[in-house]
Amino acid sequence: MKLLLGYISEQLKKFLTPNHRLLSVEIVTNRLLLKPVSMIYKEDIFREFTEEITTYMYPQPPKEVSDTESFINDSLFEIKKEQSLVLVILKRNTQEFLGCVGIHNINRRNPELGIWLKKSVHGNGYGLETINTLKKWADGNLDYEVLVYPVDRENIRSRRIPERLGGTIFREFDKTNLSGKVLHILEFRIPKK
């Protein structure tokens, strides 16, 4: 019984005094810097997360800056609880805001990836570079079997990302997004290397 109480006490300490290690994650590539989302980027996120950007995504664009603030606060809460890692994508040399990326449910065997980039930087390979880099981080820091990458069937550019990383389609399903559009989702599974 004493051993069990000691174990429970240690688990409670971990829960009540988290080290928030994910808040200090910074991932650097030749062109990019990925770092935890923060209120510093609320105006960028609000301006760039548009109806056009969310065409193939589940979320809807924010109506007010307070919607973006809620997204950031929710993301920070999940980062602190070590459930998700939500990062801004910046150009390394200029710190220009490019978009956001996340890996969610990081304590499960199949965490989910998600990414969006602002319209003006589409077609530069930033999406593949970001997801490839985040996958490498996950390979070294998470205990998982596969990464899940859901993408709308019609979003050809985004579909190429998991395909280039060795992902295969695991299942297909329809899902209505928060804007009321039916998405035809292909769920890719990307294996751990």
N, C-alpha and C. Protein backbone atom coordinates (compact mmCIF):
# COMPACT_ATOMS: atom_id res chain seq x y z
N MET A 1 0.82 -1.19 0.00
CA MET A 1 0.00 0.00 0.00
C MET A 1 0.87 1.26 0.00
N LYS A 2 1.94 1.22 0.81
CA LYS A 2 2.83 2.36 0.88
C LYS A 2 3.48 2.64 -0.48
N LEU A 3 3.84 1.57 -1.18
CA LEU A 3 4.44 1.70 -2.51
C LEU A 3 3.45 2.34 -3.49
N LEU A 4 2.20 1.91 -3.42
CA LEU A 4 1.15 2.46 -4.29
C LEU A 4 0.93 3.94 -4.00
N LEU A 5 0.89 4.33 -2.74
CA LEU A 5 0.71 5.73 -2.37
C LEU A 5 1.89 6.58 -2.85
N GLY A 6 3.10 6.03 -2.78
CA GLY A 6 4.27 6.74 -3.27
C GLY A 6 4.19 6.97 -4.77
N TYR A 7 3.75 5.94 -5.50
CA TYR A 7 3.59 6.06 -6.95
C TYR A 7 2.55 7.12 -7.30
N ILE A 8 1.42 7.08 -6.63
CA ILE A 8 0.34 8.06 -6.87
C ILE A 8 0.84 9.47 -6.56
N SER A 9 1.60 9.61 -5.49
CA SER A 9 2.15 10.92 -5.12
C SER A 9 3.07 11.45 -6.22
N GLU A 10 3.93 10.58 -6.77
CA GLU A 10 4.84 10.99 -7.84
C GLU A 10 4.06 11.40 -9.09
N GLN A 11 3.01 10.66 -9.41
CA GLN A 11 2.20 11.00 -10.59
C GLN A 11 1.50 12.34 -10.40
N LEU A 12 1.00 12.58 -9.19
CA LEU A 12 0.35 13.86 -8.91
C LEU A 12 1.34 15.02 -9.02
N LYS A 13 2.55 14.82 -8.55
CA LYS A 13 3.57 15.86 -8.66
C LYS A 13 3.82 16.21 -10.12
N LYS A 14 3.92 15.18 -10.96
CA LYS A 14 4.14 15.42 -12.39
C LYS A 14 2.99 16.22 -12.98
N PHE A 15 1.78 15.88 -12.58
CA PHE A 15 0.61 16.56 -13.12
C PHE A 15 0.50 17.99 -12.61
N LEU A 16 0.79 18.19 -11.33
CA LEU A 16 0.61 19.51 -10.73
C LEU A 16 1.78 20.46 -10.99
N THR A 17 2.94 19.92 -11.32
CA THR A 17 4.09 20.78 -11.59
C THR A 17 4.72 20.40 -12.93
N PRO A 18 3.99 20.61 -14.03
CA PRO A 18 4.55 20.24 -15.33
C PRO A 18 5.76 21.10 -15.67
N ASN A 19 6.67 20.53 -16.45
CA ASN A 19 7.86 21.29 -16.79
C ASN A 19 7.68 22.11 -18.06
N HIS A 20 6.56 21.92 -18.76
CA HIS A 20 6.25 22.70 -19.97
C HIS A 20 7.39 22.68 -20.97
N ARG A 21 8.04 21.54 -21.11
CA ARG A 21 9.19 21.43 -22.00
C ARG A 21 8.86 21.75 -23.44
N LEU A 22 7.62 21.51 -23.87
CA LEU A 22 7.26 21.76 -25.26
C LEU A 22 7.20 23.26 -25.59
N LEU A 23 7.05 24.10 -24.58
CA LEU A 23 7.04 25.55 -24.83
C LEU A 23 8.41 26.07 -25.28
N SER A 24 9.45 25.28 -25.08
CA SER A 24 10.79 25.72 -25.46
C SER A 24 11.28 25.07 -26.75
N VAL A 25 10.43 24.29 -27.39
CA VAL A 25 10.84 23.62 -28.64
C VAL A 25 11.04 24.67 -29.73
N GLU A 26 12.18 24.59 -30.39
CA GLU A 26 12.44 25.36 -31.60
C GLU A 26 13.11 24.42 -32.58
N ILE A 27 12.56 24.37 -33.78
CA ILE A 27 13.07 23.48 -34.81
C ILE A 27 13.53 24.35 -35.98
N VAL A 28 14.77 24.16 -36.39
CA VAL A 28 15.35 25.01 -37.42
C VAL A 28 15.72 24.16 -38.64
N THR A 29 15.42 24.70 -39.83
CA THR A 29 15.89 24.11 -41.08
C THR A 29 16.71 25.18 -41.79
N ASN A 30 17.16 24.87 -43.00
CA ASN A 30 17.92 25.87 -43.77
C ASN A 30 17.10 27.12 -44.00
N ARG A 31 15.79 26.95 -44.21
CA ARG A 31 14.95 28.10 -44.56
C ARG A 31 13.95 28.50 -43.49
N LEU A 32 13.65 27.60 -42.54
CA LEU A 32 12.53 27.82 -41.64
C LEU A 32 12.91 27.75 -40.17
N LEU A 33 12.08 28.40 -39.37
CA LEU A 33 12.13 28.30 -37.92
C LEU A 33 10.72 27.96 -37.46
N LEU A 34 10.58 26.88 -36.72
CA LEU A 34 9.30 26.49 -36.13
C LEU A 34 9.40 26.69 -34.63
N LYS A 35 8.45 27.44 -34.07
CA LYS A 35 8.46 27.66 -32.63
C LYS A 35 7.03 27.76 -32.12
N PRO A 36 6.81 27.52 -30.83
CA PRO A 36 5.45 27.47 -30.30
C PRO A 36 4.65 28.74 -30.61
N VAL A 37 3.40 28.52 -30.94
CA VAL A 37 2.48 29.62 -31.21
C VAL A 37 2.41 30.53 -30.00
N SER A 38 2.24 31.82 -30.23
CA SER A 38 2.09 32.77 -29.12
C SER A 38 1.28 33.96 -29.59
N MET A 39 0.88 34.78 -28.65
CA MET A 39 0.07 35.96 -28.96
C MET A 39 0.81 36.96 -29.85
N ILE A 40 2.12 36.85 -29.92
CA ILE A 40 2.89 37.73 -30.80
C ILE A 40 2.39 37.62 -32.24
N TYR A 41 1.86 36.44 -32.60
CA TYR A 41 1.46 36.16 -33.98
C TYR A 41 -0.04 36.24 -34.21
N LYS A 42 -0.79 36.77 -33.24
CA LYS A 42 -2.25 36.76 -33.38
C LYS A 42 -2.74 37.55 -34.58
N GLU A 43 -2.14 38.70 -34.85
CA GLU A 43 -2.57 39.51 -36.01
C GLU A 43 -2.25 38.80 -37.32
N ASP A 44 -1.08 38.16 -37.40
CA ASP A 44 -0.70 37.40 -38.60
C ASP A 44 -1.67 36.25 -38.84
N ILE A 45 -1.96 35.50 -37.78
CA ILE A 45 -2.87 34.35 -37.91
C ILE A 45 -4.25 34.84 -38.30
N PHE A 46 -4.74 35.87 -37.63
CA PHE A 46 -6.06 36.41 -37.94
C PHE A 46 -6.15 36.86 -39.40
N ARG A 47 -5.16 37.54 -39.89
CA ARG A 47 -5.16 38.08 -41.25
C ARG A 47 -5.01 36.98 -42.31
N GLU A 48 -4.19 35.98 -42.04
CA GLU A 48 -3.84 34.99 -43.06
C GLU A 48 -4.69 33.72 -43.06
N PHE A 49 -5.38 33.43 -41.95
CA PHE A 49 -6.21 32.22 -41.87
C PHE A 49 -7.58 32.56 -42.43
N THR A 50 -7.66 32.63 -43.75
CA THR A 50 -8.82 33.15 -44.46
C THR A 50 -9.76 32.04 -44.91
N GLU A 51 -10.88 32.45 -45.47
CA GLU A 51 -11.84 31.50 -46.02
C GLU A 51 -11.19 30.65 -47.12
N GLU A 52 -10.38 31.28 -47.96
CA GLU A 52 -9.70 30.53 -49.02
C GLU A 52 -8.74 29.50 -48.44
N ILE A 53 -8.00 29.87 -47.42
CA ILE A 53 -7.05 28.94 -46.79
C ILE A 53 -7.79 27.77 -46.15
N THR A 54 -8.96 28.01 -45.58
CA THR A 54 -9.68 26.94 -44.86
C THR A 54 -10.60 26.13 -45.77
N THR A 55 -10.55 26.34 -47.08
CA THR A 55 -11.42 25.62 -48.02
C THR A 55 -11.40 24.12 -47.77
N TYR A 56 -10.22 23.55 -47.57
CA TYR A 56 -10.07 22.10 -47.41
C TYR A 56 -9.80 21.68 -45.97
N MET A 57 -10.13 22.56 -45.03
CA MET A 57 -9.83 22.29 -43.62
C MET A 57 -11.10 22.20 -42.79
N TYR A 58 -10.99 21.58 -41.60
CA TYR A 58 -12.13 21.48 -40.70
C TYR A 58 -12.47 22.83 -40.05
N PRO A 59 -11.50 23.60 -39.56
CA PRO A 59 -11.85 24.87 -38.91
C PRO A 59 -12.39 25.89 -39.90
N GLN A 60 -13.04 26.88 -39.35
CA GLN A 60 -13.47 28.02 -40.16
C GLN A 60 -12.59 29.20 -39.82
N PRO A 61 -12.51 30.19 -40.73
CA PRO A 61 -11.66 31.34 -40.42
C PRO A 61 -12.24 32.14 -39.25
N PRO A 62 -11.37 32.82 -38.52
CA PRO A 62 -11.86 33.63 -37.39
C PRO A 62 -12.66 34.82 -37.88
N LYS A 63 -13.72 35.14 -37.14
CA LYS A 63 -14.53 36.32 -37.47
C LYS A 63 -13.95 37.57 -36.80
N GLU A 64 -13.34 37.37 -35.65
CA GLU A 64 -12.77 38.47 -34.86
C GLU A 64 -11.41 38.04 -34.31
N VAL A 65 -10.61 39.01 -33.96
CA VAL A 65 -9.30 38.71 -33.38
C VAL A 65 -9.45 37.86 -32.13
N SER A 66 -10.54 38.04 -31.38
CA SER A 66 -10.74 37.25 -30.16
C SER A 66 -10.86 35.75 -30.48
N ASP A 67 -11.34 35.41 -31.68
CA ASP A 67 -11.37 33.99 -32.09
C ASP A 67 -9.95 33.45 -32.22
N THR A 68 -9.07 34.26 -32.79
CA THR A 68 -7.67 33.86 -32.93
C THR A 68 -7.01 33.76 -31.56
N GLU A 69 -7.31 34.69 -30.66
CA GLU A 69 -6.77 34.63 -29.31
C GLU A 69 -7.21 33.34 -28.61
N SER A 70 -8.46 32.94 -28.82
CA SER A 70 -8.95 31.68 -28.23
C SER A 70 -8.18 30.49 -28.79
N PHE A 71 -7.95 30.49 -30.10
CA PHE A 71 -7.16 29.42 -30.72
C PHE A 71 -5.77 29.34 -30.09
N ILE A 72 -5.13 30.48 -29.93
CA ILE A 72 -3.78 30.50 -29.36
C ILE A 72 -3.80 30.03 -27.91
N ASN A 73 -4.75 30.53 -27.12
CA ASN A 73 -4.84 30.10 -25.71
C ASN A 73 -5.12 28.61 -25.60
N ASP A 74 -6.02 28.10 -26.42
CA ASP A 74 -6.31 26.65 -26.42
C ASP A 74 -5.07 25.85 -26.80
N SER A 75 -4.35 26.34 -27.81
CA SER A 75 -3.13 25.66 -28.24
C SER A 75 -2.08 25.65 -27.13
N LEU A 76 -1.89 26.79 -26.47
CA LEU A 76 -0.92 26.87 -25.38
C LEU A 76 -1.29 25.94 -24.23
N PHE A 77 -2.58 25.84 -23.95
CA PHE A 77 -3.05 24.92 -22.91
C PHE A 77 -2.68 23.48 -23.27
N GLU A 78 -2.91 23.11 -24.53
CA GLU A 78 -2.57 21.74 -24.97
C GLU A 78 -1.07 21.51 -24.98
N ILE A 79 -0.30 22.54 -25.33
CA ILE A 79 1.16 22.40 -25.30
C ILE A 79 1.63 22.19 -23.86
N LYS A 80 1.11 22.97 -22.93
CA LYS A 80 1.50 22.84 -21.52
C LYS A 80 1.12 21.49 -20.95
N LYS A 81 0.00 20.94 -21.40
CA LYS A 81 -0.42 19.61 -20.93
C LYS A 81 0.27 18.49 -21.71
N GLU A 82 1.13 18.88 -22.66
CA GLU A 82 1.86 17.94 -23.51
C GLU A 82 0.92 17.00 -24.25
N GLN A 83 -0.15 17.58 -24.78
CA GLN A 83 -1.09 16.84 -25.62
C GLN A 83 -0.87 17.14 -27.09
N SER A 84 -0.42 18.36 -27.39
CA SER A 84 -0.19 18.80 -28.76
C SER A 84 1.03 19.71 -28.78
N LEU A 85 1.57 19.85 -29.98
CA LEU A 85 2.63 20.82 -30.21
C LEU A 85 2.17 21.66 -31.41
N VAL A 86 1.82 22.91 -31.16
CA VAL A 86 1.34 23.81 -32.20
C VAL A 86 2.39 24.90 -32.38
N LEU A 87 2.88 25.02 -33.61
CA LEU A 87 4.01 25.89 -33.91
C LEU A 87 3.66 26.90 -35.00
N VAL A 88 4.29 28.05 -34.93
CA VAL A 88 4.25 28.97 -36.06
C VAL A 88 5.41 28.61 -36.97
N ILE A 89 5.22 28.87 -38.25
CA ILE A 89 6.24 28.62 -39.26
C ILE A 89 6.75 29.99 -39.70
N LEU A 90 8.05 30.22 -39.51
CA LEU A 90 8.66 31.50 -39.85
C LEU A 90 9.78 31.28 -40.85
N LYS A 91 9.99 32.27 -41.71
CA LYS A 91 11.17 32.26 -42.56
C LYS A 91 12.35 32.51 -41.64
N ARG A 92 13.34 31.66 -41.70
CA ARG A 92 14.44 31.72 -40.75
C ARG A 92 15.21 33.04 -40.81
N ASN A 93 15.50 33.51 -42.00
CA ASN A 93 16.36 34.69 -42.11
C ASN A 93 15.64 36.01 -41.86
N THR A 94 14.31 36.06 -42.07
CA THR A 94 13.59 37.33 -41.90
C THR A 94 12.56 37.31 -40.78
N GLN A 95 12.25 36.13 -40.25
CA GLN A 95 11.20 35.94 -39.24
C GLN A 95 9.80 36.23 -39.81
N GLU A 96 9.66 36.25 -41.13
CA GLU A 96 8.35 36.45 -41.75
C GLU A 96 7.43 35.29 -41.37
N PHE A 97 6.22 35.61 -40.95
CA PHE A 97 5.22 34.60 -40.60
C PHE A 97 4.73 33.92 -41.88
N LEU A 98 4.76 32.58 -41.89
CA LEU A 98 4.33 31.81 -43.06
C LEU A 98 3.06 31.00 -42.81
N GLY A 99 2.82 30.58 -41.56
CA GLY A 99 1.66 29.76 -41.26
C GLY A 99 1.80 29.05 -39.93
N CYS A 100 1.00 27.99 -39.77
CA CYS A 100 1.04 27.20 -38.53
C CYS A 100 1.06 25.71 -38.86
N VAL A 101 1.63 24.96 -37.95
CA VAL A 101 1.67 23.51 -38.07
C VAL A 101 1.44 22.92 -36.69
N GLY A 102 0.85 21.75 -36.64
CA GLY A 102 0.63 21.11 -35.35
C GLY A 102 0.75 19.61 -35.44
N ILE A 103 1.11 19.04 -34.33
CA ILE A 103 1.06 17.59 -34.16
C ILE A 103 0.24 17.38 -32.89
N HIS A 104 -0.88 16.69 -33.05
CA HIS A 104 -1.89 16.59 -31.99
C HIS A 104 -1.98 15.16 -31.47
N ASN A 105 -2.46 15.05 -30.23
CA ASN A 105 -2.58 13.75 -29.56
C ASN A 105 -1.21 13.06 -29.50
N ILE A 106 -0.21 13.79 -29.05
CA ILE A 106 1.16 13.30 -29.12
C ILE A 106 1.45 12.14 -28.17
N ASN A 107 0.55 11.87 -27.26
CA ASN A 107 0.76 10.74 -26.35
C ASN A 107 0.10 9.46 -26.84
N ARG A 108 -0.50 9.52 -28.01
CA ARG A 108 -1.13 8.33 -28.59
C ARG A 108 -0.18 7.66 -29.58
N ARG A 109 -0.56 6.48 -30.03
CA ARG A 109 0.25 5.72 -30.97
C ARG A 109 0.14 6.28 -32.40
N ASN A 110 -0.85 7.18 -32.61
CA ASN A 110 -1.08 7.74 -33.95
C ASN A 110 -1.39 9.23 -33.89
N PRO A 111 -0.39 10.06 -33.56
CA PRO A 111 -0.61 11.51 -33.52
C PRO A 111 -1.02 12.03 -34.90
N GLU A 112 -1.72 13.16 -34.90
CA GLU A 112 -2.22 13.73 -36.15
C GLU A 112 -1.49 15.02 -36.50
N LEU A 113 -1.09 15.13 -37.75
CA LEU A 113 -0.44 16.32 -38.27
C LEU A 113 -1.45 17.24 -38.94
N GLY A 114 -1.19 18.53 -38.87
CA GLY A 114 -1.99 19.51 -39.58
C GLY A 114 -1.14 20.72 -39.90
N ILE A 115 -1.39 21.34 -41.04
CA ILE A 115 -0.59 22.48 -41.46
C ILE A 115 -1.44 23.41 -42.32
N TRP A 116 -1.12 24.69 -42.24
CA TRP A 116 -1.62 25.65 -43.22
C TRP A 116 -0.57 26.72 -43.42
N LEU A 117 -0.51 27.20 -44.65
CA LEU A 117 0.42 28.26 -45.02
C LEU A 117 -0.37 29.41 -45.63
N LYS A 118 0.11 30.63 -45.42
CA LYS A 118 -0.57 31.77 -46.02
C LYS A 118 -0.48 31.67 -47.54
N LYS A 119 -1.48 32.22 -48.20
CA LYS A 119 -1.63 32.09 -49.65
C LYS A 119 -0.40 32.57 -50.41
N SER A 120 0.19 33.68 -50.00
CA SER A 120 1.28 34.28 -50.77
C SER A 120 2.55 33.43 -50.82
N VAL A 121 2.66 32.38 -50.00
CA VAL A 121 3.87 31.55 -50.01
C VAL A 121 3.62 30.14 -50.52
N HIS A 122 2.42 29.88 -51.03
CA HIS A 122 2.14 28.56 -51.60
C HIS A 122 3.07 28.30 -52.79
N GLY A 123 3.42 27.04 -52.98
CA GLY A 123 4.22 26.66 -54.14
C GLY A 123 5.72 26.79 -53.96
N ASN A 124 6.18 27.03 -52.74
CA ASN A 124 7.62 27.18 -52.48
C ASN A 124 8.23 25.98 -51.75
N GLY A 125 7.45 24.93 -51.54
CA GLY A 125 7.97 23.74 -50.85
C GLY A 125 8.02 23.86 -49.34
N TYR A 126 7.43 24.93 -48.79
CA TYR A 126 7.46 25.11 -47.33
C TYR A 126 6.64 24.04 -46.60
N GLY A 127 5.54 23.60 -47.20
CA GLY A 127 4.70 22.59 -46.56
C GLY A 127 5.44 21.28 -46.37
N LEU A 128 6.05 20.78 -47.42
CA LEU A 128 6.81 19.53 -47.34
C LEU A 128 7.99 19.68 -46.38
N GLU A 129 8.70 20.79 -46.47
CA GLU A 129 9.84 21.02 -45.59
C GLU A 129 9.40 21.03 -44.12
N THR A 130 8.29 21.68 -43.85
CA THR A 130 7.79 21.77 -42.48
C THR A 130 7.37 20.40 -41.94
N ILE A 131 6.54 19.69 -42.71
CA ILE A 131 6.04 18.39 -42.23
C ILE A 131 7.19 17.38 -42.13
N ASN A 132 8.11 17.39 -43.07
CA ASN A 132 9.26 16.49 -43.01
C ASN A 132 10.09 16.77 -41.76
N THR A 133 10.30 18.04 -41.45
CA THR A 133 11.07 18.43 -40.27
C THR A 133 10.35 18.07 -38.98
N LEU A 134 9.03 18.28 -38.95
CA LEU A 134 8.26 17.93 -37.76
C LEU A 134 8.23 16.42 -37.57
N LYS A 135 8.18 15.68 -38.66
CA LYS A 135 8.23 14.21 -38.57
C LYS A 135 9.56 13.76 -37.98
N LYS A 136 10.65 14.36 -38.43
CA LYS A 136 11.97 14.01 -37.87
C LYS A 136 12.01 14.32 -36.37
N TRP A 137 11.42 15.46 -35.97
CA TRP A 137 11.36 15.78 -34.54
C TRP A 137 10.55 14.71 -33.80
N ALA A 138 9.41 14.34 -34.36
CA ALA A 138 8.56 13.32 -33.73
C ALA A 138 9.30 11.99 -33.63
N ASP A 139 10.03 11.62 -34.68
CA ASP A 139 10.78 10.36 -34.65
C ASP A 139 11.75 10.31 -33.48
N GLY A 140 12.34 11.45 -33.15
CA GLY A 140 13.31 11.49 -32.06
C GLY A 140 12.74 11.80 -30.69
N ASN A 141 11.47 12.23 -30.65
CA ASN A 141 10.93 12.69 -29.36
C ASN A 141 9.61 12.04 -28.93
N LEU A 142 8.94 11.35 -29.82
CA LEU A 142 7.65 10.75 -29.49
C LEU A 142 7.68 9.25 -29.69
N ASP A 143 6.89 8.56 -28.89
CA ASP A 143 6.73 7.12 -29.02
C ASP A 143 5.43 6.88 -29.80
N TYR A 144 5.55 6.67 -31.08
CA TYR A 144 4.36 6.49 -31.91
C TYR A 144 4.60 5.39 -32.95
N GLU A 145 3.52 4.94 -33.56
CA GLU A 145 3.61 3.95 -34.64
C GLU A 145 3.49 4.61 -36.00
N VAL A 146 2.46 5.45 -36.16
CA VAL A 146 2.24 6.15 -37.43
C VAL A 146 1.79 7.57 -37.12
N LEU A 147 2.08 8.47 -38.06
CA LEU A 147 1.53 9.82 -38.00
C LEU A 147 0.35 9.86 -38.96
N VAL A 148 -0.75 10.42 -38.49
CA VAL A 148 -1.96 10.54 -39.31
C VAL A 148 -1.93 11.91 -39.99
N TYR A 149 -2.23 11.91 -41.28
CA TYR A 149 -2.26 13.16 -42.05
C TYR A 149 -3.56 13.17 -42.85
N PRO A 150 -4.63 13.78 -42.31
CA PRO A 150 -5.89 13.85 -43.05
C PRO A 150 -5.86 15.01 -44.06
N VAL A 151 -6.34 14.75 -45.26
CA VAL A 151 -6.33 15.78 -46.29
C VAL A 151 -7.53 15.57 -47.22
N ASP A 152 -8.12 16.67 -47.67
CA ASP A 152 -9.24 16.57 -48.60
C ASP A 152 -8.74 16.02 -49.94
N ARG A 153 -9.52 15.14 -50.52
CA ARG A 153 -9.16 14.49 -51.78
C ARG A 153 -8.82 15.51 -52.87
N GLU A 154 -9.49 16.64 -52.87
CA GLU A 154 -9.29 17.65 -53.91
C GLU A 154 -8.06 18.54 -53.67
N ASN A 155 -7.45 18.46 -52.50
CA ASN A 155 -6.29 19.29 -52.17
C ASN A 155 -5.01 18.57 -52.63
N ILE A 156 -4.79 18.62 -53.93
CA ILE A 156 -3.71 17.85 -54.55
C ILE A 156 -2.34 18.21 -53.98
N ARG A 157 -2.04 19.50 -53.83
CA ARG A 157 -0.72 19.90 -53.31
C ARG A 157 -0.47 19.34 -51.91
N SER A 158 -1.48 19.40 -51.07
CA SER A 158 -1.31 18.89 -49.70
C SER A 158 -1.23 17.37 -49.69
N ARG A 159 -1.90 16.71 -50.62
CA ARG A 159 -1.83 15.24 -50.71
C ARG A 159 -0.41 14.78 -51.03
N ARG A 160 0.32 15.58 -51.76
CA ARG A 160 1.68 15.19 -52.15
C ARG A 160 2.62 15.09 -50.94
N ILE A 161 2.32 15.83 -49.89
CA ILE A 161 3.21 15.83 -48.72
C ILE A 161 3.30 14.44 -48.09
N PRO A 162 2.20 13.82 -47.66
CA PRO A 162 2.35 12.49 -47.06
C PRO A 162 2.82 11.44 -48.06
N GLU A 163 2.45 11.60 -49.33
CA GLU A 163 2.91 10.66 -50.34
C GLU A 163 4.43 10.69 -50.45
N ARG A 164 5.03 11.89 -50.41
CA ARG A 164 6.49 12.02 -50.50
C ARG A 164 7.19 11.47 -49.27
N LEU A 165 6.46 11.40 -48.15
CA LEU A 165 7.06 10.90 -46.91
C LEU A 165 6.75 9.42 -46.67
N GLY A 166 6.28 8.73 -47.70
CA GLY A 166 6.02 7.30 -47.59
C GLY A 166 4.67 6.96 -47.00
N GLY A 167 3.78 7.94 -46.90
CA GLY A 167 2.45 7.68 -46.35
C GLY A 167 1.56 6.96 -47.35
N THR A 168 0.64 6.20 -46.81
CA THR A 168 -0.35 5.50 -47.63
C THR A 168 -1.74 5.81 -47.09
N ILE A 169 -2.73 5.73 -47.97
CA ILE A 169 -4.11 6.00 -47.55
C ILE A 169 -4.61 4.83 -46.71
N PHE A 170 -5.03 5.14 -45.50
CA PHE A 170 -5.53 4.14 -44.56
C PHE A 170 -7.05 4.03 -44.66
N ARG A 171 -7.72 5.19 -44.79
CA ARG A 171 -9.17 5.19 -44.91
C ARG A 171 -9.64 6.48 -45.58
N GLU A 172 -10.88 6.45 -46.04
CA GLU A 172 -11.52 7.60 -46.66
C GLU A 172 -12.87 7.81 -45.97
N PHE A 173 -13.23 9.08 -45.76
CA PHE A 173 -14.53 9.39 -45.14
C PHE A 173 -14.91 10.82 -45.45
N ASP A 174 -16.18 11.11 -45.31
CA ASP A 174 -16.68 12.47 -45.49
C ASP A 174 -16.85 13.11 -44.11
N LYS A 175 -16.57 14.42 -44.07
CA LYS A 175 -16.69 15.17 -42.82
C LYS A 175 -17.13 16.58 -43.17
N THR A 176 -18.12 17.09 -42.47
CA THR A 176 -18.58 18.45 -42.70
C THR A 176 -17.76 19.39 -41.84
N ASN A 177 -17.14 20.40 -42.49
CA ASN A 177 -16.31 21.32 -41.73
C ASN A 177 -17.17 22.37 -41.03
N LEU A 178 -16.54 23.22 -40.24
CA LEU A 178 -17.28 24.21 -39.45
C LEU A 178 -17.90 25.31 -40.29
N SER A 179 -17.52 25.39 -41.56
CA SER A 179 -18.16 26.33 -42.49
C SER A 179 -19.32 25.69 -43.23
N GLY A 180 -19.59 24.40 -42.97
CA GLY A 180 -20.72 23.71 -43.58
C GLY A 180 -20.41 22.98 -44.87
N LYS A 181 -19.15 22.96 -45.30
CA LYS A 181 -18.75 22.27 -46.53
C LYS A 181 -18.40 20.82 -46.21
N VAL A 182 -18.83 19.91 -47.09
CA VAL A 182 -18.49 18.50 -46.93
C VAL A 182 -17.10 18.27 -47.51
N LEU A 183 -16.20 17.77 -46.67
CA LEU A 183 -14.85 17.42 -47.08
C LEU A 183 -14.79 15.93 -47.36
N HIS A 184 -14.05 15.54 -48.37
CA HIS A 184 -13.85 14.14 -48.71
C HIS A 184 -12.42 13.78 -48.28
N ILE A 185 -12.30 13.29 -47.07
CA ILE A 185 -11.00 13.12 -46.42
C ILE A 185 -10.33 11.81 -46.82
N LEU A 186 -9.06 11.93 -47.16
CA LEU A 186 -8.17 10.78 -47.30
C LEU A 186 -7.27 10.83 -46.07
N GLU A 187 -7.30 9.78 -45.27
CA GLU A 187 -6.45 9.74 -44.08
C GLU A 187 -5.20 8.93 -44.40
N PHE A 188 -4.09 9.65 -44.51
CA PHE A 188 -2.80 8.99 -44.76
C PHE A 188 -2.20 8.58 -43.44
N ARG A 189 -1.46 7.49 -43.47
CA ARG A 189 -0.66 7.04 -42.33
C ARG A 189 0.80 7.05 -42.77
N ILE A 190 1.62 7.78 -42.03
CA ILE A 190 3.04 7.90 -42.33
C ILE A 190 3.79 7.12 -41.26
N PRO A 191 4.52 6.07 -41.63
CA PRO A 191 5.18 5.24 -40.62
C PRO A 191 6.40 5.91 -40.01
N LYS A 192 6.68 5.51 -38.78
CA LYS A 192 7.89 5.98 -38.11
C LYS A 192 9.08 5.29 -38.77
N LYS A 193 10.15 6.02 -38.94
CA LYS A 193 11.36 5.45 -39.59
C LYS A 193 12.26 4.88 -38.53
